[in-house]
Amino acid sequence: MGTQVSNIHINKKQLHIILAVMFGNILEWYQVYSYVYLAPVLAKTFFHFESPDSNLLSAFILFGIGFLTRPLGGLIFGRWGDKRGRKSAFIGSILVMTIPTFAMGCLSPYAKWGVLAPILLILLRLIQSLPESGESPGSACFLYENAEQGNKVFMTSWAPIGNQIGAILGVFEALILDQHMSEEFLLSWGWRISFWSGGILGLLGFFLRRTLDETPIFKELVAHNKVDTETFFEVINNHKRKILLGTGCGVINATTFYLIAAYIPNYLDIQLGLTVHQNAFISLAILVIMTVLLPFFGMLGERWGVKPLFAGSVLLIIALLPVLYFSVKNDNIGMILVVGFIYILPVSCITALISYVLVHLFSAPIRFTGVALSFNLADGLVGGFTPAIAIALMYYVHNQAAFCLFVFVSAVISLISCLKIKN
């Protein structure tokens, strides 16, 4: 995973590609953060258990269920991208993702539709997650294959910036809704705004992506009749070691990202009693700092090599876990914030480098499929359920710091996987 630097820059064509790539990621992660901040409202709207905690846990389980289709979606859109072209898959993913997103905003609550309301919400969430599984892998492949030699780590580090912008929009929306709308309006109509806004973002991204050209590398594959013809099962069987290594590398990225995105805001609210504004301010600060750091770590990856930076970041996460554990267990808000902001460095570094790690792992003919499977197995089996696992550990183990053990296991898996990848 080492690389040598030549020119770290972005030309006009690459800027156009970055902007087109970002829209799908903005939509995806705008929805993630909107869902997180609306989780208490959605819990009351779509679930009808006696315990509020059970309703909230159900809302986060629903959040995780949507990720179950991601490995399947990764396989479908990965094969699409490898056989029919990166551009075709990229346009298809954002279009298919936009329709269920808008439809979710048209549902009626449990009080009106009964058990049909959560069932339809689950179905739409599953459909929405299928194309979402092609977004981040597609972004990474598109940026990598349009980058110049010696500029690929830096270029792929821009892939998650759309995620960050989407998250920032989601947090801002939560602030605006909390400031200007009553709880009664949020429960009746306000929660629909984020889904309908997501539909509009998706349409904008669809039209922007239509202006993209196919990547030079896929054009070359077509010209030399080297487009992959393997079946789903042949790809998995022939490349299973690399898929497992890629999945293993992605586990810590998935765990830490979804803890920051989904669990931490609710922990700060429920356990520490922070207001929505205090909570949102902390989340915004984290997101803005991470966004600024991503291309910086991309440049460092070009100069110092990806593998030592990635492995070093995972080791730093492990080293800080004991301090985080005792800080959370003792409700030491000051120390939690200090450790939390230190964690921004290794988490940002991993987020910036994971796209390059995955795309560099697979050869061009099966690149989209390999990246999509690896990324979505980690996201689907680990990341999406991270908030529910953290909440379940807190309630059933009676230790609010128990999620640190989950982070430790994830970090060890990613460290071993990273070290096993050949340069």
Protein backbone atom coordinates (compact mmCIF):
# COMPACT_ATOMS: atom_id res chain seq x y z
CA MET A 1 0.00 0.00 0.00
CA GLY A 2 2.99 2.29 -0.34
CA THR A 3 3.13 5.08 -2.91
CA GLN A 4 5.44 7.78 -4.18
CA VAL A 5 4.43 11.36 -4.60
CA SER A 6 4.49 13.26 -7.87
CA ASN A 7 1.95 16.05 -8.17
CA ILE A 8 -0.64 16.51 -5.44
CA HIS A 9 -3.22 18.68 -7.12
CA ILE A 10 -6.76 18.71 -8.50
CA ASN A 11 -7.40 19.83 -12.05
CA LYS A 12 -10.68 21.17 -13.44
CA LYS A 13 -11.87 17.79 -14.70
CA GLN A 14 -11.12 16.11 -11.38
CA LEU A 15 -12.98 18.86 -9.51
CA HIS A 16 -16.06 18.19 -11.66
CA ILE A 17 -15.75 14.47 -10.85
CA ILE A 18 -15.41 15.16 -7.12
CA LEU A 19 -18.55 17.33 -7.10
CA ALA A 20 -20.58 14.71 -9.00
CA VAL A 21 -19.31 11.98 -6.69
CA MET A 22 -20.18 13.95 -3.58
CA PHE A 23 -23.92 14.32 -4.21
CA GLY A 24 -24.72 10.66 -3.70
CA ASN A 25 -22.58 10.51 -0.57
CA ILE A 26 -24.15 13.72 0.72
CA LEU A 27 -27.61 12.17 0.34
CA GLU A 28 -26.55 8.90 1.97
CA TRP A 29 -25.02 10.43 5.07
CA TYR A 30 -27.48 13.31 5.32
CA GLN A 31 -30.08 10.58 5.76
CA VAL A 32 -27.91 8.79 8.36
CA TYR A 33 -27.54 11.87 10.55
CA SER A 34 -31.13 13.02 10.02
CA TYR A 35 -32.33 9.58 11.11
CA VAL A 36 -30.10 9.66 14.19
CA TYR A 37 -31.36 13.04 15.39
CA LEU A 38 -34.94 12.16 14.48
CA ALA A 39 -34.68 8.71 16.12
CA PRO A 40 -36.64 9.77 19.27
CA VAL A 41 -39.38 11.25 17.04
CA LEU A 42 -39.47 8.22 14.72
CA ALA A 43 -39.54 5.94 17.78
CA LYS A 44 -42.74 7.64 18.98
CA THR A 45 -44.21 7.84 15.47
CA PHE A 46 -43.69 4.29 14.21
CA PHE A 47 -43.41 2.09 17.32
CA HIS A 48 -45.88 1.36 20.09
CA PHE A 49 -44.14 -0.42 22.96
CA GLU A 50 -44.85 0.50 26.56
CA SER A 51 -41.22 1.37 27.29
CA PRO A 52 -39.72 4.47 25.59
CA ASP A 53 -36.35 2.70 25.72
CA SER A 54 -37.78 -0.20 23.72
CA ASN A 55 -39.17 2.21 21.13
CA LEU A 56 -35.78 3.93 20.77
CA LEU A 57 -33.94 0.61 20.56
CA SER A 58 -36.44 -0.51 17.89
CA ALA A 59 -35.74 2.64 15.89
CA PHE A 60 -32.00 1.89 15.95
CA ILE A 61 -32.55 -1.79 15.14
CA LEU A 62 -34.51 -0.58 12.11
CA PHE A 63 -31.53 1.64 11.27
CA GLY A 64 -29.32 -1.46 11.41
CA ILE A 65 -31.74 -3.70 9.48
CA GLY A 66 -31.35 -1.42 6.48
CA PHE A 67 -27.69 -2.40 6.37
CA LEU A 68 -28.47 -6.10 5.98
CA THR A 69 -29.13 -5.59 2.27
CA ARG A 70 -25.83 -3.77 1.77
CA PRO A 71 -23.67 -6.83 1.00
CA LEU A 72 -26.29 -7.94 -1.56
CA GLY A 73 -26.50 -4.42 -2.96
CA GLY A 74 -22.72 -4.24 -3.08
CA LEU A 75 -22.64 -7.42 -5.12
CA ILE A 76 -25.38 -6.23 -7.51
CA PHE A 77 -23.99 -2.73 -8.09
CA GLY A 78 -20.41 -4.01 -8.01
CA ARG A 79 -21.09 -6.43 -10.85
CA TRP A 80 -23.02 -3.70 -12.66
CA GLY A 81 -20.03 -1.35 -12.38
CA ASP A 82 -17.53 -4.00 -13.52
CA LYS A 83 -19.61 -5.28 -16.45
CA ARG A 84 -21.57 -2.25 -17.68
CA GLY A 85 -19.38 0.61 -16.55
CA ARG A 86 -18.66 2.73 -13.49
CA LYS A 87 -20.78 5.62 -14.78
CA SER A 88 -23.84 3.47 -15.45
CA ALA A 89 -23.77 1.92 -11.96
CA PHE A 90 -23.12 5.31 -10.39
CA ILE A 91 -26.16 6.89 -12.05
CA GLY A 92 -28.35 3.88 -11.30
CA SER A 93 -27.46 3.80 -7.61
CA ILE A 94 -28.43 7.40 -6.92
CA LEU A 95 -31.68 7.12 -8.88
CA VAL A 96 -32.81 3.94 -7.11
CA MET A 97 -31.81 5.41 -3.74
CA THR A 98 -33.81 8.61 -4.28
CA ILE A 99 -37.22 6.96 -4.84
CA PRO A 100 -37.59 5.09 -1.48
CA THR A 101 -36.07 8.06 0.35
CA PHE A 102 -38.89 10.32 -0.87
CA ALA A 103 -41.50 7.58 -0.29
CA MET A 104 -40.48 7.23 3.37
CA GLY A 105 -41.60 10.81 3.92
CA CYS A 106 -45.08 9.90 2.64
CA LEU A 107 -45.80 7.20 5.24
CA SER A 108 -48.46 7.55 7.92
CA PRO A 109 -47.67 6.89 11.61
CA TYR A 110 -48.50 3.87 13.76
CA ALA A 111 -51.53 5.66 15.19
CA LYS A 112 -53.11 5.73 11.72
CA TRP A 113 -51.82 2.61 9.94
CA GLY A 114 -51.02 0.39 12.90
CA VAL A 115 -48.35 -2.28 12.45
CA LEU A 116 -48.34 -1.61 8.68
CA ALA A 117 -46.48 1.68 9.32
CA PRO A 118 -43.26 0.15 10.75
CA ILE A 119 -43.44 -2.73 8.24
CA LEU A 120 -43.51 -0.32 5.29
CA LEU A 121 -40.76 1.78 6.89
CA ILE A 122 -38.60 -1.35 7.18
CA LEU A 123 -39.28 -2.36 3.55
CA LEU A 124 -38.43 1.08 2.21
CA ARG A 125 -35.30 1.20 4.38
CA LEU A 126 -34.19 -2.15 2.92
CA ILE A 127 -34.81 -0.96 -0.65
CA GLN A 128 -33.03 2.34 0.07
CA SER A 129 -29.98 0.49 1.37
CA LEU A 130 -29.48 -1.58 -1.78
CA PRO A 131 -28.28 1.33 -3.94
CA GLU A 132 -26.60 3.04 -0.97
CA SER A 133 -24.21 0.11 -1.01
CA GLY A 134 -22.90 1.28 -4.38
CA GLU A 135 -22.26 4.88 -3.37
CA SER A 136 -19.06 4.84 -1.32
CA PRO A 137 -17.42 2.03 -3.38
CA GLY A 138 -18.42 3.78 -6.61
CA SER A 139 -16.98 7.06 -5.36
CA ALA A 140 -13.68 5.43 -4.45
CA CYS A 141 -13.36 3.65 -7.81
CA PHE A 142 -14.31 6.73 -9.80
CA LEU A 143 -11.80 8.95 -8.04
CA TYR A 144 -9.00 6.36 -8.11
CA GLU A 145 -9.43 5.63 -11.81
CA ASN A 146 -9.45 9.33 -12.70
CA ALA A 147 -6.37 10.16 -10.63
CA GLU A 148 -2.83 10.51 -11.93
CA GLN A 149 -0.04 8.23 -10.76
CA GLY A 150 1.32 9.50 -7.45
CA ASN A 151 -1.93 11.35 -6.78
CA LYS A 152 -4.27 8.43 -6.07
CA VAL A 153 -4.22 8.47 -2.25
CA PHE A 154 -4.89 12.21 -2.18
CA MET A 155 -7.64 11.93 -4.79
CA THR A 156 -9.45 9.05 -3.03
CA SER A 157 -9.26 10.90 0.29
CA TRP A 158 -11.93 13.21 -1.13
CA ALA A 159 -14.44 10.35 -1.38
CA PRO A 160 -15.65 10.58 2.25
CA ILE A 161 -15.89 14.39 2.20
CA GLY A 162 -19.36 14.08 0.70
CA ASN A 163 -20.24 11.89 3.70
CA GLN A 164 -19.07 14.64 6.04
CA ILE A 165 -20.99 17.37 4.23
CA GLY A 166 -24.13 15.24 4.30
CA ALA A 167 -23.65 14.70 8.02
CA ILE A 168 -23.16 18.43 8.62
CA LEU A 169 -26.39 19.18 6.71
CA GLY A 170 -28.19 16.57 8.82
CA VAL A 171 -27.01 18.15 12.07
CA PHE A 172 -27.92 21.66 10.88
CA GLU A 173 -31.36 20.42 9.96
CA ALA A 174 -31.79 18.93 13.44
CA LEU A 175 -30.88 22.30 14.97
CA ILE A 176 -33.35 24.19 12.76
CA LEU A 177 -36.17 21.71 13.45
CA ASP A 178 -35.53 21.85 17.19
CA GLN A 179 -35.35 25.65 17.21
CA HIS A 180 -38.36 26.48 15.06
CA MET A 181 -40.76 23.54 15.31
CA SER A 182 -42.81 22.22 18.20
CA GLU A 183 -42.68 18.56 19.22
CA GLU A 184 -46.29 18.23 18.08
CA PHE A 185 -45.42 19.42 14.56
CA LEU A 186 -42.32 17.19 14.44
CA LEU A 187 -44.43 14.17 15.36
CA SER A 188 -47.06 14.95 12.73
CA TRP A 189 -45.23 16.45 9.71
CA GLY A 190 -41.81 17.80 10.65
CA TRP A 191 -40.01 14.44 10.45
CA ARG A 192 -41.02 14.15 6.78
CA ILE A 193 -38.91 17.16 5.77
CA SER A 194 -35.59 15.31 5.87
CA PHE A 195 -36.84 12.49 3.63
CA TRP A 196 -38.32 14.87 1.07
CA SER A 197 -35.19 17.05 1.16
CA GLY A 198 -33.16 13.89 0.57
CA GLY A 199 -35.25 13.18 -2.51
CA ILE A 200 -34.40 16.61 -3.92
CA LEU A 201 -30.68 16.10 -3.23
CA GLY A 202 -30.86 12.76 -5.01
CA LEU A 203 -32.40 14.28 -8.14
CA LEU A 204 -29.71 16.98 -8.26
CA GLY A 205 -27.02 14.32 -7.98
CA PHE A 206 -28.66 12.24 -10.72
CA PHE A 207 -28.56 15.11 -13.24
CA LEU A 208 -24.99 16.05 -12.27
CA ARG A 209 -23.72 12.49 -12.67
CA ARG A 210 -25.16 12.27 -16.16
CA THR A 211 -22.51 14.80 -17.22
CA LEU A 212 -19.64 12.49 -16.19
CA ASP A 213 -17.47 10.54 -18.62
CA GLU A 214 -16.66 6.89 -18.11
CA THR A 215 -13.36 6.33 -16.29
CA PRO A 216 -10.23 5.93 -18.48
CA ILE A 217 -9.45 2.55 -16.91
CA PHE A 218 -12.86 1.04 -17.73
CA LYS A 219 -12.63 2.41 -21.29
CA GLU A 220 -9.30 0.61 -21.57
CA LEU A 221 -10.82 -2.63 -20.31
CA VAL A 222 -13.54 -2.39 -22.96
CA ALA A 223 -11.05 -1.56 -25.72
CA HIS A 224 -8.90 -4.60 -24.89
CA ASN A 225 -11.85 -6.98 -24.24
CA LYS A 226 -10.79 -7.40 -20.61
CA VAL A 227 -14.17 -6.63 -18.99
CA ASP A 228 -14.74 -9.27 -16.32
CA THR A 229 -17.25 -12.02 -17.16
CA GLU A 230 -17.22 -13.95 -13.86
CA THR A 231 -20.49 -14.78 -12.11
CA PHE A 232 -21.33 -13.56 -8.58
CA PHE A 233 -20.14 -16.83 -7.06
CA GLU A 234 -16.97 -17.01 -9.14
CA VAL A 235 -15.92 -13.53 -8.02
CA ILE A 236 -16.47 -14.43 -4.36
CA ASN A 237 -14.70 -17.79 -4.69
CA ASN A 238 -11.75 -16.54 -6.75
CA HIS A 239 -11.09 -13.42 -4.67
CA LYS A 240 -12.31 -14.44 -1.21
CA ARG A 241 -9.00 -13.76 0.56
CA LYS A 242 -8.83 -10.17 -0.66
CA ILE A 243 -12.53 -9.63 0.10
CA LEU A 244 -11.99 -10.87 3.66
CA LEU A 245 -8.91 -8.67 4.12
CA GLY A 246 -10.75 -5.66 2.74
CA THR A 247 -13.72 -6.34 5.02
CA GLY A 248 -11.40 -6.71 8.00
CA CYS A 249 -9.70 -3.37 7.25
CA GLY A 250 -13.08 -1.67 6.98
CA VAL A 251 -14.40 -2.92 10.34
CA ILE A 252 -12.75 -0.22 12.49
CA ASN A 253 -13.79 2.48 10.03
CA ALA A 254 -17.41 1.29 10.22
CA THR A 255 -17.43 0.94 14.01
CA THR A 256 -15.91 4.33 14.83
CA PHE A 257 -17.91 6.19 12.18
CA TYR A 258 -21.28 4.90 13.35
CA LEU A 259 -20.43 5.42 16.99
CA ILE A 260 -19.75 9.07 16.21
CA ALA A 261 -22.75 9.34 13.89
CA ALA A 262 -25.42 7.47 15.80
CA TYR A 263 -24.49 6.40 19.32
CA ILE A 264 -22.54 9.34 20.75
CA PRO A 265 -25.26 11.98 20.11
CA ASN A 266 -27.83 9.84 21.94
CA TYR A 267 -25.37 9.04 24.73
CA LEU A 268 -24.70 12.74 25.28
CA ASP A 269 -28.46 13.36 25.31
CA ILE A 270 -29.67 10.44 27.46
CA GLN A 271 -26.74 9.85 29.83
CA LEU A 272 -25.28 13.34 30.24
CA GLY A 273 -28.42 15.42 29.71
CA LEU A 274 -26.94 17.76 27.12
CA THR A 275 -29.40 19.90 25.19
CA VAL A 276 -29.97 19.41 21.47
CA HIS A 277 -27.94 22.57 20.82
CA GLN A 278 -24.99 21.45 22.96
CA ASN A 279 -25.12 18.01 21.39
CA ALA A 280 -25.29 19.40 17.86
CA PHE A 281 -22.44 21.85 18.52
CA ILE A 282 -20.16 19.00 19.61
CA SER A 283 -21.15 16.90 16.57
CA LEU A 284 -20.63 19.84 14.21
CA ALA A 285 -17.21 20.58 15.69
CA ILE A 286 -16.16 16.95 15.20
CA LEU A 287 -17.51 16.81 11.65
CA VAL A 288 -15.93 20.08 10.52
CA ILE A 289 -12.51 19.14 11.94
CA MET A 290 -12.70 15.70 10.28
CA THR A 291 -13.69 17.23 6.94
CA VAL A 292 -10.68 19.56 6.98
CA LEU A 293 -8.32 16.73 7.99
CA LEU A 294 -9.33 14.22 5.29
CA PRO A 295 -7.34 15.67 2.33
CA PHE A 296 -4.49 16.47 4.74
CA PHE A 297 -4.18 12.78 5.64
CA GLY A 298 -4.52 11.97 1.94
CA MET A 299 -1.39 14.06 1.30
CA LEU A 300 0.43 12.38 4.20
CA GLY A 301 -0.51 9.01 2.76
CA GLU A 302 1.18 9.97 -0.52
CA ARG A 303 4.38 11.02 1.26
CA TRP A 304 4.69 8.51 4.11
CA GLY A 305 2.85 5.46 2.77
CA VAL A 306 -0.67 4.25 3.50
CA LYS A 307 0.07 1.12 5.50
CA PRO A 308 2.12 2.66 8.35
CA LEU A 309 -0.37 5.54 8.71
CA PHE A 310 -3.39 3.23 8.73
CA ALA A 311 -1.85 0.73 11.18
CA GLY A 312 -0.55 3.53 13.41
CA SER A 313 -4.01 5.10 13.59
CA VAL A 314 -5.58 1.79 14.63
CA LEU A 315 -2.93 1.37 17.34
CA LEU A 316 -3.66 4.87 18.65
CA ILE A 317 -7.36 4.02 18.88
CA ILE A 318 -6.50 0.91 20.92
CA ALA A 319 -4.10 2.85 23.18
CA LEU A 320 -6.74 5.46 24.05
CA LEU A 321 -9.51 2.95 24.86
CA PRO A 322 -8.65 2.45 28.58
CA VAL A 323 -8.80 6.22 29.16
CA LEU A 324 -12.11 6.45 27.29
CA TYR A 325 -13.50 3.48 29.22
CA PHE A 326 -12.87 4.95 32.67
CA SER A 327 -13.96 8.43 31.55
CA VAL A 328 -17.33 7.13 30.31
CA LYS A 329 -17.82 4.82 33.28
CA ASN A 330 -17.29 7.73 35.69
CA ASP A 331 -19.33 10.25 33.62
CA ASN A 332 -16.29 12.53 33.40
CA ILE A 333 -17.62 14.81 30.66
CA GLY A 334 -14.43 16.88 30.50
CA MET A 335 -12.20 13.86 29.92
CA ILE A 336 -14.72 12.30 27.51
CA LEU A 337 -14.56 15.44 25.36
CA VAL A 338 -10.74 15.58 25.51
CA VAL A 339 -10.33 11.92 24.52
CA GLY A 340 -13.11 12.28 21.95
CA PHE A 341 -11.38 15.16 20.20
CA ILE A 342 -8.02 13.32 20.27
CA TYR A 343 -9.78 10.40 18.62
CA ILE A 344 -10.63 12.66 15.70
CA LEU A 345 -7.03 12.32 14.46
CA PRO A 346 -6.83 8.52 14.03
CA VAL A 347 -10.47 8.20 12.94
CA SER A 348 -10.00 10.92 10.30
CA CYS A 349 -6.82 9.26 9.07
CA ILE A 350 -8.51 5.87 8.70
CA THR A 351 -11.52 7.46 6.98
CA ALA A 352 -9.23 9.28 4.53
CA LEU A 353 -7.19 6.17 3.67
CA ILE A 354 -9.75 3.34 3.65
CA SER A 355 -10.93 4.14 0.10
CA TYR A 356 -7.39 3.80 -1.27
CA VAL A 357 -6.75 0.66 0.79
CA LEU A 358 -9.77 -1.06 -0.78
CA VAL A 359 -9.45 0.11 -4.40
CA HIS A 360 -5.71 -0.62 -4.46
CA LEU A 361 -6.39 -4.13 -3.16
CA PHE A 362 -8.35 -5.25 -6.25
CA SER A 363 -7.41 -5.37 -9.93
CA ALA A 364 -9.40 -3.24 -12.39
CA PRO A 365 -11.67 -5.96 -13.88
CA ILE A 366 -13.23 -6.84 -10.49
CA ARG A 367 -12.42 -3.62 -8.62
CA PHE A 368 -15.97 -2.26 -8.21
CA THR A 369 -17.28 -5.64 -6.99
CA GLY A 370 -14.37 -6.25 -4.63
CA VAL A 371 -14.54 -2.80 -3.07
CA ALA A 372 -18.35 -2.91 -2.84
CA LEU A 373 -18.38 -6.31 -1.14
CA SER A 374 -15.58 -5.46 1.30
CA PHE A 375 -16.98 -2.06 2.22
CA ASN A 376 -20.56 -3.27 2.61
CA LEU A 377 -19.79 -6.44 4.52
CA ALA A 378 -18.03 -4.25 7.10
CA ASP A 379 -20.79 -1.64 7.01
CA GLY A 380 -23.66 -4.12 6.87
CA LEU A 381 -22.53 -6.68 9.42
CA VAL A 382 -20.75 -4.33 11.83
CA GLY A 383 -21.28 -0.62 11.19
CA GLY A 384 -25.05 -0.46 10.83
CA PHE A 385 -25.63 -2.42 14.04
CA THR A 386 -22.97 -0.56 16.05
CA PRO A 387 -25.48 1.91 17.63
CA ALA A 388 -27.92 -0.91 18.55
CA ILE A 389 -25.07 -3.04 19.96
CA ALA A 390 -23.75 -0.09 22.00
CA ILE A 391 -27.21 0.68 23.39
CA ALA A 392 -27.93 -3.02 24.11
CA LEU A 393 -24.60 -3.37 25.94
CA MET A 394 -25.37 -0.29 27.99
CA TYR A 395 -28.83 -1.50 29.02
CA TYR A 396 -28.21 -5.23 29.46
CA VAL A 397 -24.63 -5.31 30.74
CA HIS A 398 -25.38 -2.26 32.90
CA ASN A 399 -22.13 -0.63 31.90
CA GLN A 400 -22.32 2.45 29.71
CA ALA A 401 -18.65 2.07 28.77
CA ALA A 402 -19.05 -1.52 27.50
CA PHE A 403 -18.97 -0.34 23.88
CA CYS A 404 -15.19 0.16 24.32
CA LEU A 405 -14.75 -3.63 24.24
CA PHE A 406 -16.61 -3.70 20.91
CA VAL A 407 -14.28 -1.00 19.55
CA PHE A 408 -11.25 -2.96 20.78
CA VAL A 409 -12.30 -6.15 18.97
CA SER A 410 -12.99 -4.16 15.78
CA ALA A 411 -9.59 -2.46 15.99
CA VAL A 412 -7.71 -5.75 16.44
CA ILE A 413 -9.48 -7.26 13.40
CA SER A 414 -8.58 -4.25 11.25
CA LEU A 415 -4.97 -4.13 12.46
CA ILE A 416 -4.38 -7.80 11.63
CA SER A 417 -6.05 -7.41 8.23
CA CYS A 418 -4.00 -4.32 7.38
CA LEU A 419 -0.72 -6.02 8.28
CA LYS A 420 -1.57 -9.03 6.11
CA ILE A 421 -2.11 -6.92 2.97
CA LYS A 422 0.96 -6.90 0.75
CA ASN A 423 2.26 -3.52 -0.42
